[in-house]
PDB file of N, CA and C in Angstrom:
ATOM      1  N   MET A   1      78.890  61.729 183.242  1.00  0.00           N
ATOM      2  CA  MET A   1      80.359  61.701 183.180  1.00  0.00           C
ATOM      3  C   MET A   1      80.711  61.612 181.718  1.00  0.00           C
ATOM      4  N   SER A   2      80.019  60.918 180.916  1.00  0.00           N
ATOM      5  CA  SER A   2      80.200  60.912 179.518  1.00  0.00           C
ATOM      6  C   SER A   2      79.976  62.255 178.773  1.00  0.00           C
ATOM      7  N   THR A   3      79.063  63.152 179.457  1.00  0.00           N
ATOM      8  CA  THR A   3      78.781  64.486 178.939  1.00  0.00           C
ATOM      9  C   THR A   3      80.163  65.211 179.104  1.00  0.00           C
ATOM     10  N   LYS A   4      80.839  65.112 180.276  1.00  0.00           N
ATOM     11  CA  LYS A   4      82.044  65.861 180.506  1.00  0.00           C
ATOM     12  C   LYS A   4      83.150  65.505 179.465  1.00  0.00           C
ATOM     13  N   THR A   5      83.241  64.120 179.251  1.00  0.00           N
ATOM     14  CA  THR A   5      84.405  63.727 178.238  1.00  0.00           C
ATOM     15  C   THR A   5      84.096  64.177 176.918  1.00  0.00           C
ATOM     16  N   GLU A   6      82.741  64.162 176.522  1.00  0.00           N
ATOM     17  CA  GLU A   6      82.418  64.683 175.078  1.00  0.00           C
ATOM     18  C   GLU A   6      82.810  66.231 175.077  1.00  0.00           C
ATOM     19  N   SER A   7      82.428  66.891 176.102  1.00  0.00           N
ATOM     20  CA  SER A   7      82.685  68.335 175.892  1.00  0.00           C
ATOM     21  C   SER A   7      83.987  68.660 176.050  1.00  0.00           C
ATOM     22  N   SER A   8      84.759  67.891 176.830  1.00  0.00           N
ATOM     23  CA  SER A   8      86.328  68.179 176.953  1.00  0.00           C
ATOM     24  C   SER A   8      86.878  67.820 175.603  1.00  0.00           C
ATOM     25  N   SER A   9      86.447  66.793 175.076  1.00  0.00           N
ATOM     26  CA  SER A   9      87.037  66.341 173.725  1.00  0.00           C
ATOM     27  C   SER A   9      86.667  67.409 172.645  1.00  0.00           C
ATOM     28  N   GLN A  10      85.578  67.741 172.676  1.00  0.00           N
ATOM     29  CA  GLN A  10      85.049  68.873 171.674  1.00  0.00           C
ATOM     30  C   GLN A  10      85.821  70.116 171.984  1.00  0.00           C
ATOM     31  N   SER A  11      86.012  70.673 173.212  1.00  0.00           N
ATOM     32  CA  SER A  11      86.899  71.867 173.578  1.00  0.00           C
ATOM     33  C   SER A  11      88.431  71.650 172.961  1.00  0.00           C
ATOM     34  N   LYS A  12      88.907  70.451 173.310  1.00  0.00           N
ATOM     35  CA  LYS A  12      90.219  70.083 172.779  1.00  0.00           C
ATOM     36  C   LYS A  12      90.239  70.273 171.336  1.00  0.00           C
ATOM     37  N   SER A  13      89.298  69.590 170.517  1.00  0.00           N
ATOM     38  CA  SER A  13      89.440  69.926 169.079  1.00  0.00           C
ATOM     39  C   SER A  13      89.085  71.184 168.631  1.00  0.00           C
ATOM     40  N   LEU A  14      88.556  72.007 169.352  1.00  0.00           N
ATOM     41  CA  LEU A  14      88.229  73.523 169.113  1.00  0.00           C
ATOM     42  C   LEU A  14      89.708  74.317 169.167  1.00  0.00           C
ATOM     43  N   HIS A  15      90.409  73.838 170.016  1.00  0.00           N
ATOM     44  CA  HIS A  15      91.562  74.637 170.354  1.00  0.00           C
ATOM     45  C   HIS A  15      92.810  73.777 169.620  1.00  0.00           C
ATOM     46  N   HIS A  16      92.677  73.038 168.757  1.00  0.00           N
ATOM     47  CA  HIS A  16      93.699  72.313 168.130  1.00  0.00           C
ATOM     48  C   HIS A  16      94.022  73.026 166.932  1.00  0.00           C
ATOM     49  N   VAL A  17      95.431  73.365 166.841  1.00  0.00           N
ATOM     50  CA  VAL A  17      95.922  74.026 165.613  1.00  0.00           C
ATOM     51  C   VAL A  17      96.663  73.045 164.721  1.00  0.00           C
ATOM     52  N   ASN A  18      96.302  73.037 163.306  1.00  0.00           N
ATOM     53  CA  ASN A  18      96.738  72.037 162.447  1.00  0.00           C
ATOM     54  C   ASN A  18      97.757  72.878 161.595  1.00  0.00           C
ATOM     55  N   PHE A  19      99.050  72.564 161.657  1.00  0.00           N
ATOM     56  CA  PHE A  19     100.091  73.097 160.675  1.00  0.00           C
ATOM     57  C   PHE A  19     100.199  72.362 159.465  1.00  0.00           C
ATOM     58  N   ASN A  20     100.443  73.095 158.420  1.00  0.00           N
ATOM     59  CA  ASN A  20     100.565  72.432 157.222  1.00  0.00           C
ATOM     60  C   ASN A  20     102.094  72.146 157.084  1.00  0.00           C
ATOM     61  N   THR A  21     102.397  70.890 156.987  1.00  0.00           N
ATOM     62  CA  THR A  21     103.836  70.707 157.055  1.00  0.00           C
ATOM     63  C   THR A  21     104.477  70.146 155.493  1.00  0.00           C
ATOM     64  N   ASP A  22     103.686  70.424 154.579  1.00  0.00           N
ATOM     65  CA  ASP A  22     104.099  70.049 153.159  1.00  0.00           C
ATOM     66  C   ASP A  22     105.205  71.033 152.851  1.00  0.00           C
ATOM     67  N   ASP A  23     106.280  70.365 152.869  1.00  0.00           N
ATOM     68  CA  ASP A  23     107.738  71.103 152.611  1.00  0.00           C
ATOM     69  C   ASP A  23     107.738  71.755 151.241  1.00  0.00           C
ATOM     70  N   ASN A  24     107.322  71.163 150.335  1.00  0.00           N
ATOM     71  CA  ASN A  24     107.347  71.569 148.804  1.00  0.00           C
ATOM     72  C   ASN A  24     106.526  73.051 148.697  1.00  0.00           C
ATOM     73  N   LYS A  25     105.487  73.015 149.331  1.00  0.00           N
ATOM     74  CA  LYS A  25     104.629  74.234 149.246  1.00  0.00           C
ATOM     75  C   LYS A  25     105.267  75.422 149.981  1.00  0.00           C
ATOM     76  N   ILE A  26     106.036  75.030 151.054  1.00  0.00           N
ATOM     77  CA  ILE A  26     106.547  76.085 151.940  1.00  0.00           C
ATOM     78  C   ILE A  26     107.781  76.620 151.093  1.00  0.00           C
ATOM     79  N   SER A  27     108.637  75.734 150.634  1.00  0.00           N
ATOM     80  CA  SER A  27     109.929  76.090 149.919  1.00  0.00           C
ATOM     81  C   SER A  27     109.498  76.952 148.619  1.00  0.00           C
ATOM     82  N   ALA A  28     108.412  76.576 148.091  1.00  0.00           N
ATOM     83  CA  ALA A  28     107.988  77.219 146.806  1.00  0.00           C
ATOM     84  C   ALA A  28     107.656  78.665 147.144  1.00  0.00           C
ATOM     85  N   LYS A  29     106.889  78.794 148.318  1.00  0.00           N
ATOM     86  CA  LYS A  29     106.423  80.155 148.651  1.00  0.00           C
ATOM     87  C   LYS A  29     107.757  81.016 149.097  1.00  0.00           C
ATOM     88  N   LYS A  30     108.693  80.298 149.845  1.00  0.00           N
ATOM     89  CA  LYS A  30     109.903  81.060 149.997  1.00  0.00           C
ATOM     90  C   LYS A  30     110.628  81.624 148.832  1.00  0.00           C
ATOM     91  N   LYS A  31     110.655  80.758 147.889  1.00  0.00           N
ATOM     92  CA  LYS A  31     111.606  81.109 146.688  1.00  0.00           C
ATOM     93  C   LYS A  31     110.858  82.230 146.070  1.00  0.00           C
ATOM     94  N   ARG A  32     109.560  82.270 146.069  1.00  0.00           N
ATOM     95  CA  ARG A  32     108.781  83.147 145.237  1.00  0.00           C
ATOM     96  C   ARG A  32     108.944  84.562 145.959  1.00  0.00           C
ATOM     97  N   TYR A  33     108.953  84.641 147.282  1.00  0.00           N
ATOM     98  CA  TYR A  33     108.907  85.987 148.001  1.00  0.00           C
ATOM     99  C   TYR A  33     110.411  86.327 148.581  1.00  0.00           C
ATOM    100  N   LEU A  34     111.479  85.708 147.964  1.00  0.00           N
ATOM    101  CA  LEU A  34     112.841  86.096 148.458  1.00  0.00           C
ATOM    102  C   LEU A  34     113.044  87.490 147.968  1.00  0.00           C
ATOM    103  N   THR A  35     113.551  88.289 148.875  1.00  0.00           N
ATOM    104  CA  THR A  35     113.970  89.737 148.670  1.00  0.00           C
ATOM    105  C   THR A  35     115.374  89.969 149.203  1.00  0.00           C
ATOM    106  N   ALA A  36     115.971  90.884 148.857  1.00  0.00           N
ATOM    107  CA  ALA A  36     117.331  91.248 149.384  1.00  0.00           C
ATOM    108  C   ALA A  36     117.189  92.629 149.907  1.00  0.00           C
ATOM    109  N   LYS A  37     117.960  92.851 151.221  1.00  0.00           N
ATOM    110  CA  LYS A  37     117.955  94.120 151.734  1.00  0.00           C
ATOM    111  C   LYS A  37     119.322  94.961 151.225  1.00  0.00           C
ATOM    112  N   TYR A  38     119.169  96.143 150.769  1.00  0.00           N
ATOM    113  CA  TYR A  38     120.328  96.874 150.444  1.00  0.00           C
ATOM    114  C   TYR A  38     120.602  97.961 151.302  1.00  0.00           C
ATOM    115  N   GLY A  39     121.836  98.324 151.470  1.00  0.00           N
ATOM    116  CA  GLY A  39     122.230  99.512 152.336  1.00  0.00           C
ATOM    117  C   GLY A  39     121.724 100.813 151.539  1.00  0.00           C
ATOM    118  N   GLN A  40     121.799 101.916 152.423  1.00  0.00           N
ATOM    119  CA  GLN A  40     121.206 103.241 151.791  1.00  0.00           C
ATOM    120  C   GLN A  40     122.189 103.631 150.475  1.00  0.00           C
ATOM    121  N   HIS A  41     123.497 103.421 150.804  1.00  0.00           N
ATOM    122  CA  HIS A  41     124.359 103.885 149.487  1.00  0.00           C
ATOM    123  C   HIS A  41     124.128 103.161 148.417  1.00  0.00           C
ATOM    124  N   GLN A  42     123.804 101.777 148.497  1.00  0.00           N
ATOM    125  CA  GLN A  42     123.595 100.966 147.348  1.00  0.00           C
ATOM    126  C   GLN A  42     122.241 101.083 146.825  1.00  0.00           C
ATOM    127  N   MET A  43     121.357 101.562 147.501  1.00  0.00           N
ATOM    128  CA  MET A  43     119.992 101.938 146.941  1.00  0.00           C
ATOM    129  C   MET A  43     119.956 103.126 146.211  1.00  0.00           C
ATOM    130  N   ASN A  44     120.815 104.078 146.817  1.00  0.00           N
ATOM    131  CA  ASN A  44     120.904 105.399 146.100  1.00  0.00           C
ATOM    132  C   ASN A  44     121.584 105.208 144.746  1.00  0.00           C
ATOM    133  N   LEU A  45     122.682 104.283 144.446  1.00  0.00           N
ATOM    134  CA  LEU A  45     123.200 104.018 143.229  1.00  0.00           C
ATOM    135  C   LEU A  45     122.129 103.325 142.477  1.00  0.00           C
ATOM    136  N   ILE A  46     121.418 102.377 142.910  1.00  0.00           N
ATOM    137  CA  ILE A  46     120.375 101.708 142.204  1.00  0.00           C
ATOM    138  C   ILE A  46     119.300 102.776 141.593  1.00  0.00           C
ATOM    139  N   LYS A  47     119.005 103.659 142.547  1.00  0.00           N
ATOM    140  CA  LYS A  47     118.016 104.627 142.027  1.00  0.00           C
ATOM    141  C   LYS A  47     118.570 105.468 140.884  1.00  0.00           C
ATOM    142  N   LYS A  48     119.926 105.997 141.085  1.00  0.00           N
ATOM    143  CA  LYS A  48     120.614 106.865 140.177  1.00  0.00           C
ATOM    144  C   LYS A  48     120.731 106.084 138.739  1.00  0.00           C
ATOM    145  N   ARG A  49     120.989 104.885 138.862  1.00  0.00           N
ATOM    146  CA  ARG A  49     121.032 104.155 137.544  1.00  0.00           C
ATOM    147  C   ARG A  49     119.828 103.983 136.924  1.00  0.00           C
ATOM    148  N   LEU A  50     118.766 103.630 137.517  1.00  0.00           N
ATOM    149  CA  LEU A  50     117.395 103.511 136.959  1.00  0.00           C
ATOM    150  C   LEU A  50     116.953 104.753 136.452  1.00  0.00           C
ATOM    151  N   LYS A  51     117.282 105.875 137.023  1.00  0.00           N
ATOM    152  CA  LYS A  51     116.904 107.245 136.447  1.00  0.00           C
ATOM    153  C   LYS A  51     117.430 107.447 135.273  1.00  0.00           C
ATOM    154  N   VAL A  52     118.805 107.277 135.117  1.00  0.00           N
ATOM    155  CA  VAL A  52     119.535 107.384 133.789  1.00  0.00           C
ATOM    156  C   VAL A  52     119.041 106.271 132.784  1.00  0.00           C
ATOM    157  N   GLU A  53     118.640 105.276 133.147  1.00  0.00           N
ATOM    158  CA  GLU A  53     118.120 104.247 132.238  1.00  0.00           C
ATOM    159  C   GLU A  53     116.663 104.596 131.589  1.00  0.00           C
ATOM    160  N   MET A  54     115.871 105.187 132.582  1.00  0.00           N
ATOM    161  CA  MET A  54     114.756 105.708 132.260  1.00  0.00           C
ATOM    162  C   MET A  54     114.622 106.847 131.320  1.00  0.00           C
ATOM    163  N   TRP A  55     115.679 107.795 131.586  1.00  0.00           N
ATOM    164  CA  TRP A  55     115.777 108.988 130.684  1.00  0.00           C
ATOM    165  C   TRP A  55     116.203 108.461 129.360  1.00  0.00           C
ATOM    166  N   MET A  56     117.240 107.584 129.374  1.00  0.00           N
ATOM    167  CA  MET A  56     117.570 107.029 127.987  1.00  0.00           C
ATOM    168  C   MET A  56     116.534 106.439 127.198  1.00  0.00           C
ATOM    169  N   TYR A  57     115.718 105.602 127.939  1.00  0.00           N
ATOM    170  CA  TYR A  57     114.505 104.933 127.223  1.00  0.00           C
ATOM    171  C   TYR A  57     113.587 106.095 126.483  1.00  0.00           C
ATOM    172  N   GLU A  58     113.288 107.214 127.346  1.00  0.00           N
ATOM    173  CA  GLU A  58     112.409 108.137 126.893  1.00  0.00           C
ATOM    174  C   GLU A  58     113.144 108.895 125.692  1.00  0.00           C
ATOM    175  N   GLN A  59     114.443 109.106 125.834  1.00  0.00           N
ATOM    176  CA  GLN A  59     115.025 109.917 124.749  1.00  0.00           C
ATOM    177  C   GLN A  59     115.232 109.056 123.426  1.00  0.00           C
ATOM    178  N   LEU A  60     115.398 107.786 123.502  1.00  0.00           N
ATOM    179  CA  LEU A  60     115.380 106.792 122.412  1.00  0.00           C
ATOM    180  C   LEU A  60     114.025 106.694 121.794  1.00  0.00           C
ATOM    181  N   GLN A  61     112.973 106.884 122.518  1.00  0.00           N
ATOM    182  CA  GLN A  61     111.543 106.835 121.913  1.00  0.00           C
ATOM    183  C   GLN A  61     111.476 108.106 121.164  1.00  0.00           C
ATOM    184  N   PHE A  62     111.871 109.320 121.853  1.00  0.00           N
ATOM    185  CA  PHE A  62     111.927 110.501 121.005  1.00  0.00           C
ATOM    186  C   PHE A  62     112.657 110.532 119.623  1.00  0.00           C
ATOM    187  N   LEU A  63     113.876 110.040 119.834  1.00  0.00           N
ATOM    188  CA  LEU A  63     114.716 110.053 118.691  1.00  0.00           C
ATOM    189  C   LEU A  63     114.225 109.171 117.417  1.00  0.00           C
ATOM    190  N   PHE A  64     113.590 108.228 117.809  1.00  0.00           N
ATOM    191  CA  PHE A  64     113.174 107.312 116.875  1.00  0.00           C
ATOM    192  C   PHE A  64     111.486 107.402 116.635  1.00  0.00           C
ATOM    193  N   ASP A  65     111.041 108.493 117.150  1.00  0.00           N
ATOM    194  CA  ASP A  65     109.586 108.807 116.894  1.00  0.00           C
ATOM    195  C   ASP A  65     108.737 107.407 117.242  1.00  0.00           C
ATOM    196  N   SER A  66     108.965 106.832 118.153  1.00  0.00           N
ATOM    197  CA  SER A  66     108.338 105.554 118.611  1.00  0.00           C
ATOM    198  C   SER A  66     107.778 105.402 120.027  1.00  0.00           C
ATOM    199  N   ASP A  67     106.472 105.115 120.195  1.00  0.00           N
ATOM    200  CA  ASP A  67     105.763 105.078 121.528  1.00  0.00           C
ATOM    201  C   ASP A  67     105.861 103.685 122.028  1.00  0.00           C
ATOM    202  N   ASP A  68     106.072 102.774 121.256  1.00  0.00           N
ATOM    203  CA  ASP A  68     105.972 101.379 121.403  1.00  0.00           C
ATOM    204  C   ASP A  68     107.453 100.822 121.855  1.00  0.00           C
ATOM    205  N   ASN A  69     107.506  99.530 121.912  1.00  0.00           N
ATOM    206  CA  ASN A  69     108.957  98.975 122.150  1.00  0.00           C
ATOM    207  C   ASN A  69     109.836  99.160 121.278  1.00  0.00           C
ATOM    208  N   LEU A  70     111.093  99.452 121.812  1.00  0.00           N
ATOM    209  CA  LEU A  70     112.253  99.870 120.848  1.00  0.00           C
ATOM    210  C   LEU A  70     113.104  98.562 120.663  1.00  0.00           C
ATOM    211  N   ASN A  71     112.548  97.509 120.024  1.00  0.00           N
ATOM    212  CA  ASN A  71     113.104  96.329 119.899  1.00  0.00           C
ATOM    213  C   ASN A  71     114.314  96.339 118.906  1.00  0.00           C
ATOM    214  N   ASP A  72     114.334  97.379 118.137  1.00  0.00           N
ATOM    215  CA  ASP A  72     115.445  97.423 117.064  1.00  0.00           C
ATOM    216  C   ASP A  72     116.588  97.898 117.492  1.00  0.00           C
ATOM    217  N   ILE A  73     116.540  98.749 118.614  1.00  0.00           N
ATOM    218  CA  ILE A  73     117.583  99.576 119.297  1.00  0.00           C
ATOM    219  C   ILE A  73     118.119  98.844 120.612  1.00  0.00           C
ATOM    220  N   ASP A  74     119.291  98.526 120.557  1.00  0.00           N
ATOM    221  CA  ASP A  74     119.860  97.709 121.705  1.00  0.00           C
ATOM    222  C   ASP A  74     121.156  98.439 122.180  1.00  0.00           C
ATOM    223  N   ILE A  75     120.696  99.589 123.068  1.00  0.00           N
ATOM    224  CA  ILE A  75     121.751 100.168 123.759  1.00  0.00           C
ATOM    225  C   ILE A  75     121.769  99.814 125.276  1.00  0.00           C
ATOM    226  N   ASP A  76     122.909  99.062 125.627  1.00  0.00           N
ATOM    227  CA  ASP A  76     122.813  98.730 127.119  1.00  0.00           C
ATOM    228  C   ASP A  76     123.950  99.557 127.726  1.00  0.00           C
ATOM    229  N   LEU A  77     123.316 100.033 128.750  1.00  0.00           N
ATOM    230  CA  LEU A  77     124.321 101.098 129.657  1.00  0.00           C
ATOM    231  C   LEU A  77     125.547 100.463 130.105  1.00  0.00           C
ATOM    232  N   ASP A  78     125.503  99.116 130.555  1.00  0.00           N
ATOM    233  CA  ASP A  78     126.664  98.362 130.851  1.00  0.00           C
ATOM    234  C   ASP A  78     127.800  98.429 129.718  1.00  0.00           C
ATOM    235  N   GLU A  79     127.261  98.316 128.331  1.00  0.00           N
ATOM    236  CA  GLU A  79     128.133  98.167 127.325  1.00  0.00           C
ATOM    237  C   GLU A  79     128.791  99.597 127.004  1.00  0.00           C
ATOM    238  N   VAL A  80     128.021 100.584 127.307  1.00  0.00           N
ATOM    239  CA  VAL A  80     128.485 102.060 127.365  1.00  0.00           C
ATOM    240  C   VAL A  80     129.532 102.276 128.311  1.00  0.00           C
ATOM    241  N   LEU A  81     129.374 101.932 129.466  1.00  0.00           N
ATOM    242  CA  LEU A  81     130.243 102.056 130.552  1.00  0.00           C
ATOM    243  C   LEU A  81     131.592 101.163 130.449  1.00  0.00           C
ATOM    244  N   ASP A  82     131.454 100.138 129.663  1.00  0.00           N
ATOM    245  CA  ASP A  82     132.508  99.222 129.454  1.00  0.00           C
ATOM    246  C   ASP A  82     133.686  99.928 128.414  1.00  0.00           C
ATOM    247  N   LEU A  83     133.011 100.785 127.528  1.00  0.00           N
ATOM    248  CA  LEU A  83     133.934 101.234 126.416  1.00  0.00           C
ATOM    249  C   LEU A  83     134.759 102.402 126.909  1.00  0.00           C
ATOM    250  N   GLU A  84     135.719 102.730 126.182  1.00  0.00           N
ATOM    251  CA  GLU A  84     136.627 103.901 126.495  1.00  0.00           C
ATOM    252  C   GLU A  84     136.180 105.230 125.611  1.00  0.00           C
ATOM    253  N   GLY A  85     136.559 106.260 126.170  1.00  0.00           N
ATOM    254  CA  GLY A  85     136.191 107.540 125.554  1.00  0.00           C
ATOM    255  C   GLY A  85     135.563 107.724 124.244  1.00  0.00           C
ATOM    256  N   LYS A  86     136.483 107.784 123.182  1.00  0.00           N
ATOM    257  CA  LYS A  86     136.044 108.102 121.786  1.00  0.00           C
ATOM    258  C   LYS A  86     135.269 106.897 121.246  1.00  0.00           C
ATOM    259  N   THR A  87     135.793 105.714 121.764  1.00  0.00           N
ATOM    260  CA  THR A  87     135.021 104.447 121.285  1.00  0.00           C
ATOM    261  C   THR A  87     133.479 104.554 121.745  1.00  0.00           C
ATOM    262  N   ARG A  88     133.170 105.018 122.910  1.00  0.00           N
ATOM    263  CA  ARG A  88     131.910 105.236 123.252  1.00  0.00           C
ATOM    264  C   ARG A  88     131.016 106.003 122.270  1.00  0.00           C
ATOM    265  N   LYS A  89     131.599 107.041 122.021  1.00  0.00           N
ATOM    266  CA  LYS A  89     130.686 107.996 121.023  1.00  0.00           C
ATOM    267  C   LYS A  89     130.614 107.271 119.690  1.00  0.00           C
ATOM    268  N   GLN A  90     131.528 106.667 119.216  1.00  0.00           N
ATOM    269  CA  GLN A  90     131.497 105.962 117.806  1.00  0.00           C
ATOM    270  C   GLN A  90     130.463 104.839 117.892  1.00  0.00           C
ATOM    271  N   TRP A  91     130.497 104.137 119.044  1.00  0.00           N
ATOM    272  CA  TRP A  91     129.685 102.973 119.255  1.00  0.00           C
ATOM    273  C   TRP A  91     128.129 103.586 119.245  1.00  0.00           C
ATOM    274  N   LEU A  92     127.980 104.584 120.036  1.00  0.00           N
ATOM    275  CA  LEU A  92     126.583 105.104 120.113  1.00  0.00           C
ATOM    276  C   LEU A  92     126.183 105.618 118.674  1.00  0.00           C
ATOM    277  N   ARG A  93     126.992 106.278 118.020  1.00  0.00           N
ATOM    278  CA  ARG A  93     126.610 106.750 116.640  1.00  0.00           C
ATOM    279  C   ARG A  93     126.173 105.713 115.667  1.00  0.00           C
ATOM    280  N   GLU A  94     126.992 104.527 115.726  1.00  0.00           N
ATOM    281  CA  GLU A  94     126.476 103.486 115.034  1.00  0.00           C
ATOM    282  C   GLU A  94     125.125 102.935 115.356  1.00  0.00           C
ATOM    283  N   LYS A  95     124.843 102.928 116.653  1.00  0.00           N
ATOM    284  CA  LYS A  95     123.685 102.193 117.125  1.00  0.00           C
ATOM    285  C   LYS A  95     122.434 103.262 116.704  1.00  0.00           C
ATOM    286  N   LEU A  96     122.787 104.502 116.592  1.00  0.00           N
ATOM    287  CA  LEU A  96     121.682 105.545 116.479  1.00  0.00           C
ATOM    288  C   LEU A  96     121.665 106.185 115.033  1.00  0.00           C
ATOM    289  N   ILE A  97     122.281 105.385 114.068  1.00  0.00           N
ATOM    290  CA  ILE A  97     122.326 105.740 112.747  1.00  0.00           C
ATOM    291  C   ILE A  97     120.889 105.941 112.115  1.00  0.00           C
ATOM    292  N   ASP A  98     119.929 105.080 112.453  1.00  0.00           N
ATOM    293  CA  ASP A  98     118.707 105.012 111.966  1.00  0.00           C
ATOM    294  C   ASP A  98     117.631 106.014 112.499  1.00  0.00           C
ATOM    295  N   ALA A  99     118.288 106.831 113.483  1.00  0.00           N
ATOM    296  CA  ALA A  99     117.272 107.640 114.252  1.00  0.00           C
ATOM    297  C   ALA A  99     116.425 108.568 113.250  1.00  0.00           C
ATOM    298  N   LYS A 100     115.365 108.809 113.449  1.00  0.00           N
ATOM    299  CA  LYS A 100     114.478 109.853 112.621  1.00  0.00           C
ATOM    300  C   LYS A 100     114.582 111.245 112.874  1.00  0.00           C
ATOM    301  N   LYS A 101     115.211 111.671 114.115  1.00  0.00           N
ATOM    302  CA  LYS A 101     115.375 113.090 114.366  1.00  0.00           C
ATOM    303  C   LYS A 101     116.784 113.395 113.673  1.00  0.00           C
ATOM    304  N   SER A 102     117.069 114.772 113.804  1.00  0.00           N
ATOM    305  CA  SER A 102     118.111 115.210 113.144  1.00  0.00           C
ATOM    306  C   SER A 102     119.416 114.794 113.844  1.00  0.00           C
ATOM    307  N   LYS A 103     120.634 114.909 113.065  1.00  0.00           N
ATOM    308  CA  LYS A 103     121.845 114.423 113.656  1.00  0.00           C
ATOM    309  C   LYS A 103     122.312 115.356 114.947  1.00  0.00           C
ATOM    310  N   GLU A 104     121.881 116.654 114.895  1.00  0.00           N
ATOM    311  CA  GLU A 104     122.129 117.508 115.972  1.00  0.00           C
ATOM    312  C   GLU A 104     121.597 116.926 117.245  1.00  0.00           C
ATOM    313  N   LEU A 105     120.291 116.525 117.216  1.00  0.00           N
ATOM    314  CA  LEU A 105     119.660 115.960 118.367  1.00  0.00           C
ATOM    315  C   LEU A 105     120.182 114.772 118.996  1.00  0.00           C
ATOM    316  N   VAL A 106     120.757 113.967 117.900  1.00  0.00           N
ATOM    317  CA  VAL A 106     121.373 112.637 118.152  1.00  0.00           C
ATOM    318  C   VAL A 106     122.658 112.973 118.952  1.00  0.00           C
ATOM    319  N   GLU A 107     123.423 113.876 118.380  1.00  0.00           N
ATOM    320  CA  GLU A 107     124.855 114.094 119.044  1.00  0.00           C
ATOM    321  C   GLU A 107     124.402 114.745 120.487  1.00  0.00           C
ATOM    322  N   LYS A 108     123.586 115.596 120.712  1.00  0.00           N
ATOM    323  CA  LYS A 108     123.158 116.177 122.028  1.00  0.00           C
ATOM    324  C   LYS A 108     122.739 114.948 122.783  1.00  0.00           C
ATOM    325  N   PHE A 109     121.969 113.926 122.381  1.00  0.00           N
ATOM    326  CA  PHE A 109     121.653 112.820 123.300  1.00  0.00           C
ATOM    327  C   PHE A 109     122.911 112.115 123.657  1.00  0.00           C
ATOM    328  N   ILE A 110     123.869 111.678 122.854  1.00  0.00           N
ATOM    329  CA  ILE A 110     124.989 111.090 123.023  1.00  0.00           C
ATOM    330  C   ILE A 110     125.945 111.843 124.181  1.00  0.00           C
ATOM    331  N   VAL A 111     126.053 113.226 123.959  1.00  0.00           N
ATOM    332  CA  VAL A 111     126.742 113.914 124.838  1.00  0.00           C
ATOM    333  C   VAL A 111     126.098 113.808 126.174  1.00  0.00           C
ATOM    334  N   GLU A 112     124.937 113.983 126.280  1.00  0.00           N
ATOM    335  CA  GLU A 112     124.207 113.925 127.721  1.00  0.00           C
ATOM    336  C   GLU A 112     124.178 112.591 128.349  1.00  0.00           C
ATOM    337  N   LEU A 113     124.213 111.534 127.363  1.00  0.00           N
ATOM    338  CA  LEU A 113     124.121 110.222 127.797  1.00  0.00           C
ATOM    339  C   LEU A 113     125.510 109.885 128.456  1.00  0.00           C
ATOM    340  N   LEU A 114     126.573 110.474 127.864  1.00  0.00           N
ATOM    341  CA  LEU A 114     127.809 110.077 128.302  1.00  0.00           C
ATOM    342  C   LEU A 114     128.292 110.680 129.603  1.00  0.00           C
ATOM    343  N   GLU A 115     127.623 111.896 129.766  1.00  0.00           N
ATOM    344  CA  GLU A 115     127.826 112.913 130.951  1.00  0.00           C
ATOM    345  C   GLU A 115     127.167 112.156 132.122  1.00  0.00           C
ATOM    346  N   LYS A 116     126.040 111.709 131.921  1.00  0.00           N
ATOM    347  CA  LYS A 116     125.129 110.931 132.826  1.00  0.00           C
ATOM    348  C   LYS A 116     125.940 109.721 133.245  1.00  0.00           C
ATOM    349  N   ALA A 117     126.432 108.966 132.302  1.00  0.00           N
ATOM    350  CA  ALA A 117     127.219 107.695 132.413  1.00  0.00           C
ATOM    351  C   ALA A 117     128.393 107.755 133.248  1.00  0.00           C
ATOM    352  N   ASN A 118     128.981 109.023 133.137  1.00  0.00           N
ATOM    353  CA  ASN A 118     130.268 109.278 133.753  1.00  0.00           C
ATOM    354  C   ASN A 118     129.915 109.500 135.342  1.00  0.00           C
ATOM    355  N   THR A 119     128.684 109.901 135.750  1.00  0.00           N
ATOM    356  CA  THR A 119     128.293 109.948 137.173  1.00  0.00           C
ATOM    357  C   THR A 119     128.150 108.661 137.867  1.00  0.00           C
ATOM    358  N   LEU A 120     127.836 107.612 137.097  1.00  0.00           N
ATOM    359  CA  LEU A 120     127.579 106.348 137.784  1.00  0.00           C
ATOM    360  C   LEU A 120     128.777 105.587 138.245  1.00  0.00           C
TER     361      LEU A 120
END
C-alpha cells in the first residue's frame, strides 16, 4: 500500500504546474513588449512619412558630403510642416547655408522637400 501512495504522490508531482506569480517581473515584461495596432490608413500615413524622412536624410548626406551622422543639421519635418509658404523656404535656406554642394542643388532639394511635405 505504501508503494501505491508513493507512486501516486510522485505522479501528482510530475503533473504539477508551478506558475511564477512574481508581479514585478510580469509587469516589466508587459511594459517592454507593449505595442499598438494601427489601422490600415494610419499605417499608410506612417509609411509615407517615413519614406519622406528617409529620402530627406539621404539628400542631406549628399548635400553635405557626409556618410556619418548629420549632427550639425537639424531639420525636423514637423517644423517644416508647421511653417507657412515662403517662411518654409527661407527657414530651409538658413538651415542649409553650409551645404557643400551647389546652391542649385540645395534649391532643388528645398523644392522637392516642400512638394513631398505638402503630400503629408
